C-alpha atoms as a PDB file:
ATOM      1  CA  MET A   1      44.249 -64.778  30.915  1.00  0.00           C
ATOM      2  CA  ARG A   2      43.594 -66.676  27.730  1.00  0.00           C
ATOM      3  CA  PHE A   3      43.251 -70.444  27.066  1.00  0.00           C
ATOM      4  CA  ASP A   4      46.051 -72.063  24.986  1.00  0.00           C
ATOM      5  CA  SER A   5      44.665 -75.067  23.132  1.00  0.00           C
ATOM      6  CA  VAL A   6      48.160 -76.369  22.312  1.00  0.00           C
ATOM      7  CA  ILE A   7      49.442 -76.709  25.876  1.00  0.00           C
ATOM      8  CA  GLY A   8      45.991 -77.243  27.344  1.00  0.00           C
ATOM      9  CA  HIS A   9      45.890 -74.558  30.084  1.00  0.00           C
ATOM     10  CA  TRP A  10      45.289 -70.787  30.587  1.00  0.00           C
ATOM     11  CA  LYS A  11      48.077 -68.357  29.911  1.00  0.00           C
ATOM     12  CA  PRO A  12      48.313 -64.714  30.984  1.00  0.00           C
ATOM     13  CA  LYS A  13      47.839 -61.946  28.383  1.00  0.00           C
ATOM     14  CA  PRO A  14      50.941 -60.211  27.053  1.00  0.00           C
ATOM     15  CA  ALA A  15      52.072 -57.124  28.945  1.00  0.00           C
ATOM     16  CA  TRP A  16      51.410 -54.797  26.003  1.00  0.00           C
ATOM     17  CA  SER A  17      47.821 -56.077  25.772  1.00  0.00           C
ATOM     18  CA  ARG A  18      47.146 -55.446  29.440  1.00  0.00           C
ATOM     19  CA  ARG A  19      48.574 -51.941  29.139  1.00  0.00           C
ATOM     20  CA  TYR A  20      47.148 -50.719  25.823  1.00  0.00           C
ATOM     21  CA  GLY A  21      44.256 -53.105  25.151  1.00  0.00           C
ATOM     22  CA  THR A  22      43.665 -55.122  21.997  1.00  0.00           C
ATOM     23  CA  PRO A  23      44.142 -53.358  18.650  1.00  0.00           C
ATOM     24  CA  HIS A  24      40.387 -53.406  18.044  1.00  0.00           C
ATOM     25  CA  SER A  25      39.454 -51.855  21.376  1.00  0.00           C
ATOM     26  CA  HIS A  26      42.189 -49.237  20.995  1.00  0.00           C
ATOM     27  CA  GLN A  27      40.836 -48.199  17.556  1.00  0.00           C
ATOM     28  CA  ALA A  28      37.257 -48.043  18.812  1.00  0.00           C
ATOM     29  CA  GLY A  29      38.246 -45.796  21.676  1.00  0.00           C
ATOM     30  CA  HIS A  30      40.142 -43.460  19.370  1.00  0.00           C
ATOM     31  CA  THR A  31      37.173 -43.262  16.947  1.00  0.00           C
ATOM     32  CA  GLY A  32      34.765 -42.454  19.777  1.00  0.00           C
ATOM     33  CA  ARG A  33      36.929 -39.614  21.039  1.00  0.00           C
ATOM     34  CA  ARG A  34      37.251 -38.163  17.513  1.00  0.00           C
ATOM     35  CA  SER A  35      33.451 -38.361  16.980  1.00  0.00           C
ATOM     36  CA  LYS A  36      32.793 -36.522  20.242  1.00  0.00           C
ATOM     37  CA  ALA A  37      35.259 -33.808  19.264  1.00  0.00           C
ATOM     38  CA  MET A  38      33.592 -33.338  15.871  1.00  0.00           C
ATOM     39  CA  ASN A  39      30.124 -33.157  17.445  1.00  0.00           C
ATOM     40  CA  ALA A  40      31.295 -30.519  19.879  1.00  0.00           C
ATOM     41  CA  GLN A  41      32.804 -28.505  17.025  1.00  0.00           C
ATOM     42  CA  VAL A  42      29.569 -28.686  14.990  1.00  0.00           C
ATOM     43  CA  GLN A  43      27.499 -27.621  17.995  1.00  0.00           C
ATOM     44  CA  GLN A  44      29.817 -24.679  18.560  1.00  0.00           C
ATOM     45  CA  GLN A  45      29.459 -23.599  14.899  1.00  0.00           C
ATOM     46  CA  VAL A  46      25.661 -23.827  15.090  1.00  0.00           C
ATOM     47  CA  ALA A  47      25.675 -21.750  18.265  1.00  0.00           C
ATOM     48  CA  VAL A  48      27.645 -18.916  16.681  1.00  0.00           C
ATOM     49  CA  ALA A  49      25.917 -19.076  13.238  1.00  0.00           C
ATOM     50  CA  PRO A  50      23.849 -15.899  12.540  1.00  0.00           C
ATOM     51  CA  GLN A  51      20.137 -16.503  12.895  1.00  0.00           C
ATOM     52  CA  PRO A  52      17.811 -15.179  10.135  1.00  0.00           C
ATOM     53  CA  ARG A  53      16.224 -11.827  10.967  1.00  0.00           C
ATOM     54  CA  GLN A  54      12.539 -11.895  11.698  1.00  0.00           C
ATOM     55  CA  GLN A  55      10.524  -9.492   9.547  1.00  0.00           C
ATOM     56  CA  PHE A  56       8.479  -6.949  11.472  1.00  0.00           C
ATOM     57  CA  ASP A  57       4.788  -7.517  10.773  1.00  0.00           C
ATOM     58  CA  LEU A  58       1.765  -5.781  12.266  1.00  0.00           C
ATOM     59  CA  SER A  59      -0.736  -8.315  10.924  1.00  0.00           C
ATOM     60  CA  PRO A  60      -3.091  -9.133  13.825  1.00  0.00           C
ATOM     61  CA  GLN A  61      -3.170 -12.704  15.091  1.00  0.00           C
ATOM     62  CA  THR A  62      -6.260 -12.476  17.279  1.00  0.00           C
ATOM     63  CA  PHE A  63      -9.594 -10.712  17.126  1.00  0.00           C
ATOM     64  CA  GLU A  64      -8.584  -8.360  19.954  1.00  0.00           C
ATOM     65  CA  GLN A  65      -5.418  -7.401  18.069  1.00  0.00           C
ATOM     66  CA  ALA A  66      -7.480  -6.791  14.925  1.00  0.00           C
ATOM     67  CA  LEU A  67      -9.817  -4.440  16.839  1.00  0.00           C
ATOM     68  CA  THR A  68      -6.890  -2.490  18.236  1.00  0.00           C
ATOM     69  CA  PHE A  69      -5.185  -2.296  14.856  1.00  0.00           C
ATOM     70  CA  ALA A  70      -8.420  -1.110  13.225  1.00  0.00           C
ATOM     71  CA  ASP A  71      -8.627   1.728  15.754  1.00  0.00           C
ATOM     72  CA  TYR A  72      -5.077   2.817  14.956  1.00  0.00           C
ATOM     73  CA  LEU A  73      -5.727   2.692  11.204  1.00  0.00           C
ATOM     74  CA  ALA A  74      -8.940   4.699  11.493  1.00  0.00           C
ATOM     75  CA  ASP A  75      -7.017   7.446  13.326  1.00  0.00           C
ATOM     76  CA  SER A  76      -4.257   7.521  10.708  1.00  0.00           C
ATOM     77  CA  ASP A  77      -3.934  10.014   7.865  1.00  0.00           C
ATOM     78  CA  LEU A  78      -2.466   7.297   5.607  1.00  0.00           C
ATOM     79  CA  VAL A  79      -5.706   5.475   4.828  1.00  0.00           C
ATOM     80  CA  PRO A  80      -8.287   6.317   2.106  1.00  0.00           C
ATOM     81  CA  LYS A  81     -11.234   8.456   3.102  1.00  0.00           C
ATOM     82  CA  ASP A  82     -13.621   5.460   3.178  1.00  0.00           C
ATOM     83  CA  PHE A  83     -11.663   4.168   6.204  1.00  0.00           C
ATOM     84  CA  LYS A  84     -10.761   7.431   7.922  1.00  0.00           C
ATOM     85  CA  GLY A  85     -12.444   7.514  11.334  1.00  0.00           C
ATOM     86  CA  LYS A  86     -14.253   4.215  10.616  1.00  0.00           C
ATOM     87  CA  PRO A  87     -12.615   1.336  12.512  1.00  0.00           C
ATOM     88  CA  ALA A  88     -15.445  -1.023  11.556  1.00  0.00           C
ATOM     89  CA  ASN A  89     -14.700  -0.454   7.852  1.00  0.00           C
ATOM     90  CA  CYS A  90     -11.010  -1.035   8.531  1.00  0.00           C
ATOM     91  CA  LEU A  91     -11.777  -4.321  10.296  1.00  0.00           C
ATOM     92  CA  ILE A  92     -13.979  -5.635   7.476  1.00  0.00           C
ATOM     93  CA  ALA A  93     -11.446  -4.555   4.863  1.00  0.00           C
ATOM     94  CA  MET A  94      -8.701  -6.430   6.702  1.00  0.00           C
ATOM     95  CA  GLN A  95     -10.843  -9.556   6.708  1.00  0.00           C
ATOM     96  CA  TRP A  96     -11.527  -9.213   2.973  1.00  0.00           C
ATOM     97  CA  GLY A  97      -7.818  -8.799   2.415  1.00  0.00           C
ATOM     98  CA  ALA A  98      -7.025 -11.908   4.451  1.00  0.00           C
ATOM     99  CA  GLU A  99      -9.415 -13.969   2.316  1.00  0.00           C
ATOM    100  CA  LEU A 100      -7.805 -12.647  -0.857  1.00  0.00           C
ATOM    101  CA  GLY A 101      -4.220 -13.011   0.363  1.00  0.00           C
ATOM    102  CA  LEU A 102      -3.568  -9.306   1.018  1.00  0.00           C
ATOM    103  CA  LYS A 103      -1.863  -7.858   4.087  1.00  0.00           C
ATOM    104  CA  PRO A 104      -3.950  -5.350   6.110  1.00  0.00           C
ATOM    105  CA  LEU A 105      -2.378  -2.208   4.645  1.00  0.00           C
ATOM    106  CA  GLN A 106      -2.546  -3.639   1.122  1.00  0.00           C
ATOM    107  CA  ALA A 107      -6.218  -4.380   1.647  1.00  0.00           C
ATOM    108  CA  LEU A 108      -7.032  -0.828   2.741  1.00  0.00           C
ATOM    109  CA  GLN A 109      -5.174   0.699  -0.209  1.00  0.00           C
ATOM    110  CA  ASN A 110      -6.609  -1.626  -2.870  1.00  0.00           C
ATOM    111  CA  LEU A 111     -10.233  -1.986  -1.793  1.00  0.00           C
ATOM    112  CA  ALA A 112     -12.831   0.556  -2.896  1.00  0.00           C
ATOM    113  CA  ILE A 113     -16.234   0.919  -1.244  1.00  0.00           C
ATOM    114  CA  ILE A 114     -18.878   1.656  -3.885  1.00  0.00           C
ATOM    115  CA  ASN A 115     -22.513   1.780  -2.781  1.00  0.00           C
ATOM    116  CA  GLY A 116     -21.566  -0.201   0.304  1.00  0.00           C
ATOM    117  CA  ARG A 117     -20.022  -2.971  -1.785  1.00  0.00           C
ATOM    118  CA  PRO A 118     -16.277  -3.706  -1.740  1.00  0.00           C
ATOM    119  CA  ALA A 119     -14.449  -3.855  -5.062  1.00  0.00           C
ATOM    120  CA  LEU A 120     -10.822  -4.280  -6.107  1.00  0.00           C
ATOM    121  CA  TRP A 121      -8.841  -1.769  -8.139  1.00  0.00           C
ATOM    122  CA  GLY A 122      -7.548  -3.112 -11.443  1.00  0.00           C
ATOM    123  CA  ASP A 123      -3.860  -3.042 -10.511  1.00  0.00           C
ATOM    124  CA  ALA A 124      -4.529  -5.190  -7.423  1.00  0.00           C
ATOM    125  CA  VAL A 125      -6.591  -7.620  -9.502  1.00  0.00           C
ATOM    126  CA  ILE A 126      -3.779  -8.357 -11.939  1.00  0.00           C
ATOM    127  CA  ALA A 127      -1.279  -8.620  -9.060  1.00  0.00           C
ATOM    128  CA  LEU A 128      -3.386 -11.247  -7.277  1.00  0.00           C
ATOM    129  CA  VAL A 129      -3.925 -13.303 -10.418  1.00  0.00           C
ATOM    130  CA  ARG A 130      -0.272 -13.197 -11.508  1.00  0.00           C
ATOM    131  CA  SER A 131       0.837 -14.353  -8.052  1.00  0.00           C
ATOM    132  CA  SER A 132      -1.476 -17.363  -8.247  1.00  0.00           C
ATOM    133  CA  PRO A 133       0.043 -20.687  -9.358  1.00  0.00           C
ATOM    134  CA  LEU A 134      -3.055 -21.173 -11.537  1.00  0.00           C
ATOM    135  CA  CYS A 135      -1.995 -18.350 -13.874  1.00  0.00           C
ATOM    136  CA  GLU A 136       0.378 -19.107 -16.751  1.00  0.00           C
ATOM    137  CA  TYR A 137       0.360 -15.665 -18.350  1.00  0.00           C
ATOM    138  CA  ILE A 138      -1.536 -12.416 -18.900  1.00  0.00           C
ATOM    139  CA  SER A 139      -0.963 -10.366 -22.043  1.00  0.00           C
ATOM    140  CA  GLU A 140      -2.513  -6.970 -22.790  1.00  0.00           C
ATOM    141  CA  ALA A 141      -2.492  -4.877 -25.976  1.00  0.00           C
ATOM    142  CA  ASP A 142      -4.282  -1.866 -27.455  1.00  0.00           C
ATOM    143  CA  ASP A 143      -4.314  -0.674 -31.072  1.00  0.00           C
ATOM    144  CA  GLY A 144      -5.836   2.718 -30.302  1.00  0.00           C
ATOM    145  CA  HIS A 145      -9.397   1.488 -30.813  1.00  0.00           C
ATOM    146  CA  THR A 146      -9.666  -1.912 -29.129  1.00  0.00           C
ATOM    147  CA  ALA A 147      -8.061  -3.219 -25.939  1.00  0.00           C
ATOM    148  CA  VAL A 148      -7.248  -6.938 -25.886  1.00  0.00           C
ATOM    149  CA  CYS A 149      -6.501  -9.079 -22.818  1.00  0.00           C
ATOM    150  CA  ARG A 150      -5.241 -12.656 -23.275  1.00  0.00           C
ATOM    151  CA  VAL A 151      -5.056 -14.930 -20.255  1.00  0.00           C
ATOM    152  CA  LYS A 152      -4.241 -18.589 -19.770  1.00  0.00           C
ATOM    153  CA  ARG A 153      -5.113 -20.705 -16.771  1.00  0.00           C
ATOM    154  CA  ARG A 154      -2.903 -23.721 -16.110  1.00  0.00           C
ATOM    155  CA  GLY A 155      -4.325 -26.787 -17.819  1.00  0.00           C
ATOM    156  CA  GLU A 156      -6.880 -24.816 -19.857  1.00  0.00           C
ATOM    157  CA  ALA A 157      -6.964 -23.095 -23.254  1.00  0.00           C
ATOM    158  CA  GLU A 158      -6.171 -19.407 -23.697  1.00  0.00           C
ATOM    159  CA  GLU A 159      -9.077 -16.994 -23.225  1.00  0.00           C
ATOM    160  CA  VAL A 160      -9.334 -13.607 -24.964  1.00  0.00           C
ATOM    161  CA  ARG A 161     -11.499 -10.634 -24.007  1.00  0.00           C
ATOM    162  CA  THR A 162     -11.744  -7.293 -25.823  1.00  0.00           C
ATOM    163  CA  PHE A 163     -13.268  -3.872 -25.278  1.00  0.00           C
ATOM    164  CA  SER A 164     -13.437  -1.317 -28.071  1.00  0.00           C
ATOM    165  CA  MET A 165     -14.562   2.249 -28.522  1.00  0.00           C
ATOM    166  CA  ASP A 166     -17.669   0.849 -30.195  1.00  0.00           C
ATOM    167  CA  ASP A 167     -18.406  -1.080 -26.999  1.00  0.00           C
ATOM    168  CA  ALA A 168     -17.874   2.099 -24.994  1.00  0.00           C
ATOM    169  CA  LYS A 169     -20.296   3.945 -27.267  1.00  0.00           C
ATOM    170  CA  VAL A 170     -22.985   1.296 -26.866  1.00  0.00           C
ATOM    171  CA  ALA A 171     -22.498   1.368 -23.088  1.00  0.00           C
ATOM    172  CA  GLY A 172     -22.868   5.146 -23.037  1.00  0.00           C
ATOM    173  CA  LEU A 173     -19.308   5.651 -21.824  1.00  0.00           C
ATOM    174  CA  LEU A 174     -17.847   7.417 -24.832  1.00  0.00           C
ATOM    175  CA  GLY A 175     -17.404  11.123 -24.187  1.00  0.00           C
ATOM    176  CA  LYS A 176     -18.423  10.728 -20.552  1.00  0.00           C
ATOM    177  CA  ALA A 177     -16.810  13.412 -18.399  1.00  0.00           C
ATOM    178  CA  GLY A 178     -13.946  12.114 -16.269  1.00  0.00           C
ATOM    179  CA  PRO A 179     -11.560   9.223 -16.968  1.00  0.00           C
ATOM    180  CA  TRP A 180     -13.339   8.115 -20.152  1.00  0.00           C
ATOM    181  CA  THR A 181     -12.626  11.528 -21.643  1.00  0.00           C
ATOM    182  CA  GLN A 182      -9.155  11.983 -20.185  1.00  0.00           C
ATOM    183  CA  TYR A 183      -7.762   8.446 -20.338  1.00  0.00           C
ATOM    184  CA  PRO A 184      -9.823   6.390 -22.819  1.00  0.00           C
ATOM    185  CA  LYS A 185      -6.962   3.960 -23.510  1.00  0.00           C
ATOM    186  CA  ARG A 186      -6.526   3.196 -19.835  1.00  0.00           C
ATOM    187  CA  MET A 187     -10.236   2.664 -19.375  1.00  0.00           C
ATOM    188  CA  ARG A 188     -10.446   0.309 -22.364  1.00  0.00           C
ATOM    189  CA  GLN A 189      -7.570  -1.656 -20.872  1.00  0.00           C
ATOM    190  CA  MET A 190      -9.296  -1.934 -17.492  1.00  0.00           C
ATOM    191  CA  ARG A 191     -12.561  -3.126 -19.027  1.00  0.00           C
ATOM    192  CA  ALA A 192     -10.893  -5.840 -21.129  1.00  0.00           C
ATOM    193  CA  ARG A 193      -8.810  -6.901 -18.105  1.00  0.00           C
ATOM    194  CA  ALA A 194     -11.860  -7.064 -15.850  1.00  0.00           C
ATOM    195  CA  PHE A 195     -13.792  -9.265 -18.275  1.00  0.00           C
ATOM    196  CA  ALA A 196     -10.871 -11.672 -18.749  1.00  0.00           C
ATOM    197  CA  LEU A 197      -9.767 -12.057 -15.134  1.00  0.00           C
ATOM    198  CA  ARG A 198     -13.247 -12.252 -13.638  1.00  0.00           C
ATOM    199  CA  ASP A 199     -14.262 -14.931 -16.150  1.00  0.00           C
ATOM    200  CA  VAL A 200     -11.155 -17.110 -15.903  1.00  0.00           C
ATOM    201  CA  PHE A 201      -9.967 -16.553 -12.314  1.00  0.00           C
ATOM    202  CA  ALA A 202     -13.192 -16.029 -10.374  1.00  0.00           C
ATOM    203  CA  ASP A 203     -11.941 -18.396  -7.652  1.00  0.00           C
ATOM    204  CA  VAL A 204      -8.722 -16.428  -7.168  1.00  0.00           C
ATOM    205  CA  LEU A 205     -10.657 -13.149  -6.887  1.00  0.00           C
ATOM    206  CA  ARG A 206     -13.338 -14.726  -4.684  1.00  0.00           C
ATOM    207  CA  GLY A 207     -16.002 -13.180  -6.913  1.00  0.00           C
ATOM    208  CA  MET A 208     -14.856  -9.637  -6.055  1.00  0.00           C
ATOM    209  CA  PRO A 209     -16.000  -7.048  -8.629  1.00  0.00           C
ATOM    210  CA  ILE A 210     -13.600  -4.615 -10.314  1.00  0.00           C
ATOM    211  CA  ALA A 211     -13.799  -1.005  -9.099  1.00  0.00           C
ATOM    212  CA  GLU A 212     -13.233   0.584 -12.512  1.00  0.00           C
ATOM    213  CA  GLU A 213     -16.199  -1.367 -13.837  1.00  0.00           C
ATOM    214  CA  ILE A 214     -18.530  -0.631 -10.935  1.00  0.00           C
ATOM    215  CA  MET A 215     -17.755   3.092 -11.136  1.00  0.00           C
ATOM    216  CA  ASP A 216     -19.359   3.319 -14.566  1.00  0.00           C
ATOM    217  CA  ILE A 217     -22.706   2.106 -13.247  1.00  0.00           C
ATOM    218  CA  PRO A 218     -25.087   5.088 -12.926  1.00  0.00           C
ATOM    219  CA  GLY A 219     -25.434   6.249  -9.348  1.00  0.00           C
ATOM    220  CA  SER A 220     -22.260   4.574  -8.156  1.00  0.00           C
ATOM    221  CA  GLY A 221     -20.817   7.892  -7.026  1.00  0.00           C
ATOM    222  CA  ASP A 222     -17.208   8.718  -6.288  1.00  0.00           C
ATOM    223  CA  PRO A 223     -15.515   5.837  -4.401  1.00  0.00           C
ATOM    224  CA  GLY A 224     -12.660   8.008  -3.260  1.00  0.00           C
ATOM    225  CA  ARG A 225      -9.983   7.201  -5.802  1.00  0.00           C
ATOM    226  CA  GLY A 226     -10.168   8.332  -9.429  1.00  0.00           C
ATOM    227  CA  VAL A 227      -9.414   5.714 -12.076  1.00  0.00           C
ATOM    228  CA  ILE A 228      -6.657   7.638 -13.735  1.00  0.00           C
ATOM    229  CA  GLU A 229      -2.940   7.154 -14.049  1.00  0.00           C
ATOM    230  CA  GLY A 230      -1.250   8.497 -10.967  1.00  0.00           C
ATOM    231  CA  LYS A 231      -4.264   7.486  -8.827  1.00  0.00           C
ATOM    232  CA  VAL A 232      -5.727  10.967  -8.361  1.00  0.00           C
ATOM    233  CA  GLU A 233      -7.815  11.082  -5.227  1.00  0.00           C
ATOM    234  CA  LYS A 234     -10.987  12.565  -6.793  1.00  0.00           C
ATOM    235  CA  ALA A 235     -12.515  12.383 -10.243  1.00  0.00           C
ATOM    236  CA  GLU A 236     -13.082  15.559 -12.184  1.00  0.00           C
ATOM    237  CA  LYS A 237     -16.177  17.518 -11.267  1.00  0.00           C
ATOM    238  CA  ALA A 238     -18.952  17.770 -13.825  1.00  0.00           C
ATOM    239  CA  LEU A 239     -18.042  20.224 -16.567  1.00  0.00           C
ATOM    240  CA  PRO A 240     -20.422  22.913 -17.863  1.00  0.00           C
ATOM    241  CA  LEU A 241     -22.342  22.463 -21.104  1.00  0.00           C
ATOM    242  CA  TYR A 242     -21.227  24.167 -24.318  1.00  0.00           C
ATOM    243  CA  SER A 243     -23.351  27.230 -24.944  1.00  0.00           C
ATOM    244  CA  GLU A 244     -25.395  27.169 -28.133  1.00  0.00           C
ATOM    245  CA  ALA A 245     -23.646  30.309 -29.413  1.00  0.00           C
ATOM    246  CA  ASP A 246     -20.137  28.838 -28.998  1.00  0.00           C
ATOM    247  CA  PHE A 247     -21.262  25.527 -30.413  1.00  0.00           C
ATOM    248  CA  SER A 248     -22.772  27.083 -33.543  1.00  0.00           C
ATOM    249  CA  ALA A 249     -19.678  29.234 -34.122  1.00  0.00           C
ATOM    250  CA  ASN A 250     -17.223  26.331 -33.807  1.00  0.00           C
ATOM    251  CA  LEU A 251     -19.212  23.542 -35.475  1.00  0.00           C
ATOM    252  CA  PRO A 252     -18.060  24.327 -39.078  1.00  0.00           C
ATOM    253  CA  LYS A 253     -14.424  24.307 -37.906  1.00  0.00           C
ATOM    254  CA  TRP A 254     -14.903  20.938 -36.256  1.00  0.00           C
ATOM    255  CA  TRP A 255     -16.463  19.554 -39.423  1.00  0.00           C
ATOM    256  CA  ASP A 256     -13.414  20.743 -41.359  1.00  0.00           C
ATOM    257  CA  ILE A 257     -11.092  18.939 -38.948  1.00  0.00           C
ATOM    258  CA  ILE A 258     -13.079  15.708 -39.321  1.00  0.00           C
ATOM    259  CA  ALA A 259     -13.239  16.041 -43.119  1.00  0.00           C
ATOM    260  CA  SER A 260      -9.468  16.620 -43.339  1.00  0.00           C
ATOM    261  CA  GLY A 261      -8.827  13.364 -41.513  1.00  0.00           C
ATOM    262  CA  LYS A 262      -6.780  15.029 -38.768  1.00  0.00           C
ATOM    263  CA  LYS A 263      -9.105  13.581 -36.149  1.00  0.00           C
ATOM    264  CA  SER A 264     -12.062  11.288 -36.076  1.00  0.00           C
ATOM    265  CA  ALA A 265     -15.328  12.566 -34.661  1.00  0.00           C
ATOM    266  CA  GLU A 266     -14.874  10.503 -31.500  1.00  0.00           C
ATOM    267  CA  ASP A 267     -11.317  11.697 -30.902  1.00  0.00           C
ATOM    268  CA  LEU A 268     -12.395  15.289 -31.422  1.00  0.00           C
ATOM    269  CA  ILE A 269     -15.286  14.909 -28.985  1.00  0.00           C
ATOM    270  CA  ALA A 270     -12.998  13.331 -26.377  1.00  0.00           C
ATOM    271  CA  THR A 271     -10.604  16.281 -26.681  1.00  0.00           C
ATOM    272  CA  LEU A 272     -13.294  18.948 -26.591  1.00  0.00           C
ATOM    273  CA  GLN A 273     -15.084  17.464 -23.607  1.00  0.00           C
ATOM    274  CA  THR A 274     -12.104  18.056 -21.361  1.00  0.00           C
ATOM    275  CA  LYS A 275     -13.315  21.675 -21.229  1.00  0.00           C
ATOM    276  CA  ALA A 276     -17.097  21.393 -21.497  1.00  0.00           C
ATOM    277  CA  ARG A 277     -19.850  18.860 -22.138  1.00  0.00           C
ATOM    278  CA  PHE A 278     -22.125  18.413 -25.131  1.00  0.00           C
ATOM    279  CA  THR A 279     -25.799  17.635 -25.192  1.00  0.00           C
ATOM    280  CA  ALA A 280     -26.970  14.517 -27.028  1.00  0.00           C
ATOM    281  CA  GLU A 281     -28.168  16.696 -29.926  1.00  0.00           C
ATOM    282  CA  GLN A 282     -24.822  18.486 -30.160  1.00  0.00           C
ATOM    283  CA  LEU A 283     -22.949  15.182 -30.222  1.00  0.00           C
ATOM    284  CA  LYS A 284     -25.207  14.011 -33.042  1.00  0.00           C
ATOM    285  CA  ASP A 285     -24.432  17.181 -35.046  1.00  0.00           C
ATOM    286  CA  ILE A 286     -20.675  16.695 -34.656  1.00  0.00           C
ATOM    287  CA  ARG A 287     -20.789  13.040 -35.659  1.00  0.00           C
ATOM    288  CA  ASN A 288     -22.971  13.670 -38.705  1.00  0.00           C
ATOM    289  CA  PRO A 289     -21.567  16.572 -40.750  1.00  0.00           C
ATOM    290  CA  PRO A 290     -23.509  17.456 -43.922  1.00  0.00           C
ATOM    291  CA  LYS A 291     -22.046  15.949 -47.077  1.00  0.00           C
ATOM    292  CA  ASP A 292     -21.585  19.374 -48.685  1.00  0.00           C
ATOM    293  CA  ALA A 293     -20.129  20.988 -45.555  1.00  0.00           C
ATOM    294  CA  ASP A 294     -16.784  21.677 -47.240  1.00  0.00           C
ATOM    295  CA  GLU A 295     -18.181  22.600 -50.647  1.00  0.00           C
ATOM    296  CA  GLY A 296     -19.531  26.048 -49.671  1.00  0.00           C
ATOM    297  CA  GLU A 297     -22.315  27.912 -51.399  1.00  0.00           C
ATOM    298  CA  PRO A 298     -22.760  27.240 -55.164  1.00  0.00           C
ATOM    299  CA  GLN A 299     -21.370  30.034 -57.314  1.00  0.00           C
ATOM    300  CA  GLY A 300     -21.831  30.944 -61.008  1.00  0.00           C
ATOM    301  CA  ASP A 301     -22.769  28.529 -63.763  1.00  0.00           C
ATOM    302  CA  ALA A 302     -20.821  25.628 -62.270  1.00  0.00           C
ATOM    303  CA  GLY A 303     -22.793  25.958 -59.046  1.00  0.00           C
ATOM    304  CA  GLY A 304     -26.069  26.077 -60.956  1.00  0.00           C
ATOM    305  CA  THR A 305     -25.172  22.996 -62.963  1.00  0.00           C
ATOM    306  CA  THR A 306     -24.326  21.102 -59.765  1.00  0.00           C
ATOM    307  CA  GLN A 307     -27.540  22.167 -58.097  1.00  0.00           C
ATOM    308  CA  THR A 308     -29.537  21.099 -61.162  1.00  0.00           C
ATOM    309  CA  ALA A 309     -27.767  17.748 -61.199  1.00  0.00           C
ATOM    310  CA  VAL A 310     -28.572  17.204 -57.593  1.00  0.00           C
ATOM    311  CA  GLU A 311     -32.183  18.186 -58.085  1.00  0.00           C
ATOM    312  CA  GLY A 312     -32.486  15.955 -61.102  1.00  0.00           C
END
């Protein structure tokens, strides 16, 4: 029924209105049904959509899990010798790794134990710093004598650190048996890198020392992984000393090589010490050839004149 103001009384609704409803209510009902159908379709698509695969990860979540995992690692043949059969070392290394942002296996492979003190290998150091949002760039170069490492921390000026063969000589590293004799360029690079990254990104590294640097400290011993390309497990054993007879026989030849400019004294020493070591006195003799070493003995009048000139 509806009220008709013209005739002044209620009139019944039209038949079509009673059957189908008003146009507005009919549209609302149709919209509601369409919305429900769309929602059902979306829910069906979500149900059948492939879910992302979960990556398998052995990282322990509790202390008990860490203890169990440390036992498994200590029994494995895939861990460095400092952790083989030592679950306590494995546990501490995992904790160090967690503080640095390394997974357990990464921590065991990139931590060295030197004199009971943990240190990071140089390749792990640069990986940690480069992954930090604080690092803008790291650039390394070497001209054959000096290694240069340039680093820039976000919001700060560029910092540059260098390490040269002269620095190695002062530090007593030049000619030292092992990596400094076999891979001097690599060792210069690691020293320059260590100085730069420890100075500029000490917070990222949590104050952790660099293994290649600690190894050169007297009495540090062999930490279980040689600092050479290819990551050889052990450093070279100490080489024998050159005998005095061999040294005296070869010294004039070495002086000739230095005088000809084919090799510098330091390069020659580095090459020779891959086979045997020199004493401090022998090294001094190689580095300081006599000025007349390539002139030979004075002969005839010309030799006498030269000798007189020198004496005068």
